[in-house]
Amino acid sequence: PLKDLAPITLYAMVPYAIIVHASVKA
């Protein structure tokens, strides 16, 4: 990736979140 691709720009930071099914008792 560092040698074979040339970066243009970052465009988004995507946050991840811990989610559960509604039936989970938490």
PDB file of all heavy atoms in Angstrom:
ATOM      1  N   PRO A   1       0.803  -1.228   0.000  1.00  0.00           N
ATOM      2  CA  PRO A   1       0.000   0.000   0.000  1.00  0.00           C
ATOM      3  C   PRO A   1       0.835   1.277   0.000  1.00  0.00           C
ATOM      4  O   PRO A   1       0.465   2.262  -0.615  1.00  0.00           O
ATOM      5  CB  PRO A   1      -0.819  -0.087   1.285  1.00  0.00           C
ATOM      6  CG  PRO A   1      -0.718  -1.485   1.743  1.00  0.00           C
ATOM      7  CD  PRO A   1       0.491  -2.100   1.130  1.00  0.00           C
ATOM      8  N   LEU A   2       1.992   1.262   0.691  1.00  0.00           N
ATOM      9  CA  LEU A   2       2.805   2.474   0.781  1.00  0.00           C
ATOM     10  C   LEU A   2       3.565   2.748  -0.514  1.00  0.00           C
ATOM     11  O   LEU A   2       3.841   3.893  -0.844  1.00  0.00           O
ATOM     12  CB  LEU A   2       3.770   2.392   1.967  1.00  0.00           C
ATOM     13  CG  LEU A   2       3.123   2.254   3.352  1.00  0.00           C
ATOM     14  CD1 LEU A   2       4.174   2.136   4.441  1.00  0.00           C
ATOM     15  CD2 LEU A   2       2.178   3.409   3.663  1.00  0.00           C
ATOM     16  N   LYS A   3       3.879   1.682  -1.275  1.00  0.00           N
ATOM     17  CA  LYS A   3       4.659   1.867  -2.508  1.00  0.00           C
ATOM     18  C   LYS A   3       3.804   1.910  -3.766  1.00  0.00           C
ATOM     19  O   LYS A   3       4.139   2.601  -4.725  1.00  0.00           O
ATOM     20  CB  LYS A   3       5.671   0.720  -2.651  1.00  0.00           C
ATOM     21  CG  LYS A   3       6.872   0.793  -1.719  1.00  0.00           C
ATOM     22  CD  LYS A   3       8.028  -0.044  -2.278  1.00  0.00           C
ATOM     23  CE  LYS A   3       9.157  -0.188  -1.268  1.00  0.00           C
ATOM     24  NZ  LYS A   3       8.983  -1.400  -0.428  1.00  0.00           N
ATOM     25  N   ASP A   4       2.712   1.135  -3.774  1.00  0.00           N
ATOM     26  CA  ASP A   4       1.953   0.939  -5.024  1.00  0.00           C
ATOM     27  C   ASP A   4       0.759   1.882  -5.181  1.00  0.00           C
ATOM     28  O   ASP A   4       0.127   1.898  -6.239  1.00  0.00           O
ATOM     29  CB  ASP A   4       1.442  -0.511  -5.129  1.00  0.00           C
ATOM     30  CG  ASP A   4       2.581  -1.514  -5.087  1.00  0.00           C
ATOM     31  OD1 ASP A   4       3.727  -1.111  -5.384  1.00  0.00           O
ATOM     32  OD2 ASP A   4       2.346  -2.691  -4.750  1.00  0.00           O
ATOM     33  N   LEU A   5       0.436   2.628  -4.120  1.00  0.00           N
ATOM     34  CA  LEU A   5      -0.698   3.544  -4.192  1.00  0.00           C
ATOM     35  C   LEU A   5      -0.257   4.946  -3.786  1.00  0.00           C
ATOM     36  O   LEU A   5       0.571   5.097  -2.891  1.00  0.00           O
ATOM     37  CB  LEU A   5      -1.823   3.063  -3.261  1.00  0.00           C
ATOM     38  CG  LEU A   5      -2.516   1.763  -3.675  1.00  0.00           C
ATOM     39  CD1 LEU A   5      -3.318   1.187  -2.512  1.00  0.00           C
ATOM     40  CD2 LEU A   5      -3.421   1.980  -4.893  1.00  0.00           C
ATOM     41  N   ALA A   6      -0.809   5.946  -4.451  1.00  0.00           N
ATOM     42  CA  ALA A   6      -0.502   7.342  -4.108  1.00  0.00           C
ATOM     43  C   ALA A   6      -1.722   7.960  -3.444  1.00  0.00           C
ATOM     44  O   ALA A   6      -2.817   7.959  -4.022  1.00  0.00           O
ATOM     45  CB  ALA A   6      -0.125   8.120  -5.364  1.00  0.00           C
ATOM     46  N   PRO A   7      -1.579   8.486  -2.219  1.00  0.00           N
ATOM     47  CA  PRO A   7      -2.727   9.085  -1.535  1.00  0.00           C
ATOM     48  C   PRO A   7      -3.096  10.446  -2.131  1.00  0.00           C
ATOM     49  O   PRO A   7      -2.206  11.199  -2.532  1.00  0.00           O
ATOM     50  CB  PRO A   7      -2.244   9.237  -0.095  1.00  0.00           C
ATOM     51  CG  PRO A   7      -0.762   9.179  -0.136  1.00  0.00           C
ATOM     52  CD  PRO A   7      -0.355   8.492  -1.404  1.00  0.00           C
ATOM     53  N   ILE A   8      -4.402  10.722  -2.208  1.00  0.00           N
ATOM     54  CA  ILE A   8      -4.866  12.054  -2.646  1.00  0.00           C
ATOM     55  C   ILE A   8      -5.321  12.845  -1.429  1.00  0.00           C
ATOM     56  O   ILE A   8      -4.800  13.893  -1.126  1.00  0.00           O
ATOM     57  CB  ILE A   8      -6.026  11.949  -3.665  1.00  0.00           C
ATOM     58  CG1 ILE A   8      -5.604  11.136  -4.889  1.00  0.00           C
ATOM     59  CG2 ILE A   8      -6.479  13.345  -4.096  1.00  0.00           C
ATOM     60  CD1 ILE A   8      -6.721  10.911  -5.894  1.00  0.00           C
ATOM     61  N   THR A   9      -6.317  12.337  -0.737  1.00  0.00           N
ATOM     62  CA  THR A   9      -6.782  12.998   0.478  1.00  0.00           C
ATOM     63  C   THR A   9      -7.605  12.049   1.330  1.00  0.00           C
ATOM     64  O   THR A   9      -8.219  11.106   0.833  1.00  0.00           O
ATOM     65  CB  THR A   9      -7.638  14.243   0.164  1.00  0.00           C
ATOM     66  OG1 THR A   9      -8.068  14.844   1.394  1.00  0.00           O
ATOM     67  CG2 THR A   9      -8.882  13.911  -0.656  1.00  0.00           C
ATOM     68  N   LEU A  10      -7.606  12.327   2.605  1.00  0.00           N
ATOM     69  CA  LEU A  10      -8.561  11.735   3.538  1.00  0.00           C
ATOM     70  C   LEU A  10      -9.898  12.394   3.244  1.00  0.00           C
ATOM     71  O   LEU A  10      -9.926  13.554   2.842  1.00  0.00           O
ATOM     72  CB  LEU A  10      -8.101  12.137   4.935  1.00  0.00           C
ATOM     73  CG  LEU A  10      -8.564  11.387   6.164  1.00  0.00           C
ATOM     74  CD1 LEU A  10      -8.127   9.943   6.098  1.00  0.00           C
ATOM     75  CD2 LEU A  10      -7.924  12.040   7.401  1.00  0.00           C
ATOM     76  N   TYR A  11     -11.025  11.697   3.368  1.00  0.00           N
ATOM     77  CA  TYR A  11     -12.285  12.438   3.223  1.00  0.00           C
ATOM     78  C   TYR A  11     -13.280  12.156   4.336  1.00  0.00           C
ATOM     79  O   TYR A  11     -14.236  12.898   4.513  1.00  0.00           O
ATOM     80  CB  TYR A  11     -12.921  12.225   1.843  1.00  0.00           C
ATOM     81  CG  TYR A  11     -13.586  10.890   1.642  1.00  0.00           C
ATOM     82  CD1 TYR A  11     -14.920  10.689   1.970  1.00  0.00           C
ATOM     83  CD2 TYR A  11     -12.886   9.823   1.093  1.00  0.00           C
ATOM     84  CE1 TYR A  11     -15.527   9.472   1.790  1.00  0.00           C
ATOM     85  CE2 TYR A  11     -13.492   8.600   0.899  1.00  0.00           C
ATOM     86  CZ  TYR A  11     -14.811   8.425   1.244  1.00  0.00           C
ATOM     87  OH  TYR A  11     -15.402   7.212   1.065  1.00  0.00           O
ATOM     88  N   ALA A  12     -13.066  11.110   5.129  1.00  0.00           N
ATOM     89  CA  ALA A  12     -14.024  10.855   6.207  1.00  0.00           C
ATOM     90  C   ALA A  12     -13.397  10.013   7.297  1.00  0.00           C
ATOM     91  O   ALA A  12     -12.606   9.117   7.026  1.00  0.00           O
ATOM     92  CB  ALA A  12     -15.258  10.146   5.657  1.00  0.00           C
ATOM     93  N   MET A  13     -13.770  10.335   8.532  1.00  0.00           N
ATOM     94  CA  MET A  13     -13.449   9.487   9.665  1.00  0.00           C
ATOM     95  C   MET A  13     -14.768   8.852  10.103  1.00  0.00           C
ATOM     96  O   MET A  13     -15.745   9.569  10.369  1.00  0.00           O
ATOM     97  CB  MET A  13     -12.877  10.302  10.821  1.00  0.00           C
ATOM     98  CG  MET A  13     -11.598  11.025  10.468  1.00  0.00           C
ATOM     99  SD  MET A  13     -10.253   9.929  10.014  1.00  0.00           S
ATOM    100  CE  MET A  13      -9.486   9.628  11.580  1.00  0.00           C
ATOM    101  N   VAL A  14     -14.799   7.529  10.130  1.00  0.00           N
ATOM    102  CA  VAL A  14     -16.041   6.817  10.436  1.00  0.00           C
ATOM    103  C   VAL A  14     -15.919   6.153  11.800  1.00  0.00           C
ATOM    104  O   VAL A  14     -15.141   5.217  11.964  1.00  0.00           O
ATOM    105  CB  VAL A  14     -16.340   5.741   9.365  1.00  0.00           C
ATOM    106  CG1 VAL A  14     -17.664   5.053   9.652  1.00  0.00           C
ATOM    107  CG2 VAL A  14     -16.346   6.363   7.966  1.00  0.00           C
ATOM    108  N   PRO A  15     -16.663   6.655  12.790  1.00  0.00           N
ATOM    109  CA  PRO A  15     -16.613   6.026  14.102  1.00  0.00           C
ATOM    110  C   PRO A  15     -17.396   4.705  14.117  1.00  0.00           C
ATOM    111  O   PRO A  15     -18.425   4.594  13.464  1.00  0.00           O
ATOM    112  CB  PRO A  15     -17.288   7.048  15.012  1.00  0.00           C
ATOM    113  CG  PRO A  15     -18.147   7.855  14.113  1.00  0.00           C
ATOM    114  CD  PRO A  15     -17.585   7.788  12.737  1.00  0.00           C
ATOM    115  N   TYR A  16     -16.866   3.746  14.835  1.00  0.00           N
ATOM    116  CA  TYR A  16     -17.543   2.461  15.019  1.00  0.00           C
ATOM    117  C   TYR A  16     -18.184   2.460  16.404  1.00  0.00           C
ATOM    118  O   TYR A  16     -17.807   3.251  17.269  1.00  0.00           O
ATOM    119  CB  TYR A  16     -16.547   1.312  14.859  1.00  0.00           C
ATOM    120  CG  TYR A  16     -16.284   0.985  13.403  1.00  0.00           C
ATOM    121  CD1 TYR A  16     -15.994   1.986  12.484  1.00  0.00           C
ATOM    122  CD2 TYR A  16     -16.357  -0.318  12.938  1.00  0.00           C
ATOM    123  CE1 TYR A  16     -15.782   1.700  11.146  1.00  0.00           C
ATOM    124  CE2 TYR A  16     -16.145  -0.619  11.601  1.00  0.00           C
ATOM    125  CZ  TYR A  16     -15.857   0.392  10.709  1.00  0.00           C
ATOM    126  OH  TYR A  16     -15.664   0.100   9.388  1.00  0.00           O
ATOM    127  N   ALA A  17     -19.163   1.603  16.604  1.00  0.00           N
ATOM    128  CA  ALA A  17     -19.839   1.573  17.896  1.00  0.00           C
ATOM    129  C   ALA A  17     -20.212   0.144  18.248  1.00  0.00           C
ATOM    130  O   ALA A  17     -20.518  -0.664  17.373  1.00  0.00           O
ATOM    131  CB  ALA A  17     -21.091   2.442  17.864  1.00  0.00           C
ATOM    132  N   ILE A  18     -20.181  -0.155  19.532  1.00  0.00           N
ATOM    133  CA  ILE A  18     -20.627  -1.476  19.992  1.00  0.00           C
ATOM    134  C   ILE A  18     -22.144  -1.428  20.116  1.00  0.00           C
ATOM    135  O   ILE A  18     -22.695  -0.592  20.846  1.00  0.00           O
ATOM    136  CB  ILE A  18     -19.930  -1.875  21.299  1.00  0.00           C
ATOM    137  CG1 ILE A  18     -18.439  -2.093  20.997  1.00  0.00           C
ATOM    138  CG2 ILE A  18     -20.580  -3.122  21.913  1.00  0.00           C
ATOM    139  CD1 ILE A  18     -17.600  -2.649  22.103  1.00  0.00           C
ATOM    140  N   ILE A  19     -22.794  -2.278  19.335  1.00  0.00           N
ATOM    141  CA  ILE A  19     -24.252  -2.311  19.327  1.00  0.00           C
ATOM    142  C   ILE A  19     -24.722  -3.732  19.627  1.00  0.00           C
ATOM    143  O   ILE A  19     -23.968  -4.692  19.441  1.00  0.00           O
ATOM    144  CB  ILE A  19     -24.833  -1.811  17.970  1.00  0.00           C
ATOM    145  CG1 ILE A  19     -24.429  -2.745  16.824  1.00  0.00           C
ATOM    146  CG2 ILE A  19     -24.374  -0.387  17.676  1.00  0.00           C
ATOM    147  CD1 ILE A  19     -25.103  -2.399  15.493  1.00  0.00           C
ATOM    148  N   VAL A  20     -25.964  -3.848  20.091  1.00  0.00           N
ATOM    149  CA  VAL A  20     -26.521  -5.175  20.398  1.00  0.00           C
ATOM    150  C   VAL A  20     -27.926  -5.290  19.815  1.00  0.00           C
ATOM    151  O   VAL A  20     -28.569  -4.280  19.513  1.00  0.00           O
ATOM    152  CB  VAL A  20     -26.578  -5.431  21.936  1.00  0.00           C
ATOM    153  CG1 VAL A  20     -25.183  -5.548  22.525  1.00  0.00           C
ATOM    154  CG2 VAL A  20     -27.407  -4.370  22.652  1.00  0.00           C
ATOM    155  N   HIS A  21     -28.377  -6.526  19.677  1.00  0.00           N
ATOM    156  CA  HIS A  21     -29.760  -6.783  19.291  1.00  0.00           C
ATOM    157  C   HIS A  21     -30.670  -6.318  20.432  1.00  0.00           C
ATOM    158  O   HIS A  21     -30.296  -6.412  21.606  1.00  0.00           O
ATOM    159  CB  HIS A  21     -29.956  -8.278  19.017  1.00  0.00           C
ATOM    160  CG  HIS A  21     -31.313  -8.611  18.497  1.00  0.00           C
ATOM    161  ND1 HIS A  21     -32.326  -9.026  19.322  1.00  0.00           N
ATOM    162  CD2 HIS A  21     -31.819  -8.569  17.245  1.00  0.00           C
ATOM    163  CE1 HIS A  21     -33.416  -9.239  18.587  1.00  0.00           C
ATOM    164  NE2 HIS A  21     -33.140  -8.964  17.332  1.00  0.00           N
ATOM    165  N   ALA A  22     -31.848  -5.825  20.093  1.00  0.00           N
ATOM    166  CA  ALA A  22     -32.761  -5.258  21.101  1.00  0.00           C
ATOM    167  C   ALA A  22     -33.120  -6.241  22.224  1.00  0.00           C
ATOM    168  O   ALA A  22     -33.462  -5.823  23.333  1.00  0.00           O
ATOM    169  CB  ALA A  22     -34.027  -4.746  20.420  1.00  0.00           C
ATOM    170  N   SER A  23     -33.025  -7.547  21.935  1.00  0.00           N
ATOM    171  CA  SER A  23     -33.396  -8.543  22.955  1.00  0.00           C
ATOM    172  C   SER A  23     -32.324  -8.706  24.044  1.00  0.00           C
ATOM    173  O   SER A  23     -32.583  -9.317  25.079  1.00  0.00           O
ATOM    174  CB  SER A  23     -33.625  -9.899  22.286  1.00  0.00           C
ATOM    175  OG  SER A  23     -32.401 -10.370  21.739  1.00  0.00           O
ATOM    176  N   VAL A  24     -31.132  -8.183  23.815  1.00  0.00           N
ATOM    177  CA  VAL A  24     -30.051  -8.338  24.797  1.00  0.00           C
ATOM    178  C   VAL A  24     -30.358  -7.474  26.025  1.00  0.00           C
ATOM    179  O   VAL A  24     -30.687  -6.298  25.899  1.00  0.00           O
ATOM    180  CB  VAL A  24     -28.680  -7.943  24.181  1.00  0.00           C
ATOM    181  CG1 VAL A  24     -27.573  -7.958  25.234  1.00  0.00           C
ATOM    182  CG2 VAL A  24     -28.333  -8.894  23.036  1.00  0.00           C
ATOM    183  N   LYS A  25     -30.257  -8.086  27.206  1.00  0.00           N
ATOM    184  CA  LYS A  25     -30.620  -7.392  28.444  1.00  0.00           C
ATOM    185  C   LYS A  25     -29.475  -6.503  28.932  1.00  0.00           C
ATOM    186  O   LYS A  25     -28.908  -6.729  30.012  1.00  0.00           O
ATOM    187  CB  LYS A  25     -31.000  -8.396  29.535  1.00  0.00           C
ATOM    188  CG  LYS A  25     -32.114  -9.378  29.145  1.00  0.00           C
ATOM    189  CD  LYS A  25     -33.471  -8.903  29.655  1.00  0.00           C
ATOM    190  CE  LYS A  25     -34.583  -9.914  29.381  1.00  0.00           C
ATOM    191  NZ  LYS A  25     -34.903 -10.079  27.955  1.00  0.00           N
ATOM    192  N   ALA A  26     -29.105  -5.530  28.102  1.00  0.00           N
ATOM    193  CA  ALA A  26     -28.056  -4.581  28.485  1.00  0.00           C
ATOM    194  C   ALA A  26     -28.348  -3.244  27.820  1.00  0.00           C
ATOM    195  O   ALA A  26     -28.557  -3.195  26.611  1.00  0.00           O
ATOM    196  CB  ALA A  26     -26.693  -5.095  28.053  1.00  0.00           C
TER     197      ALA A  26
END
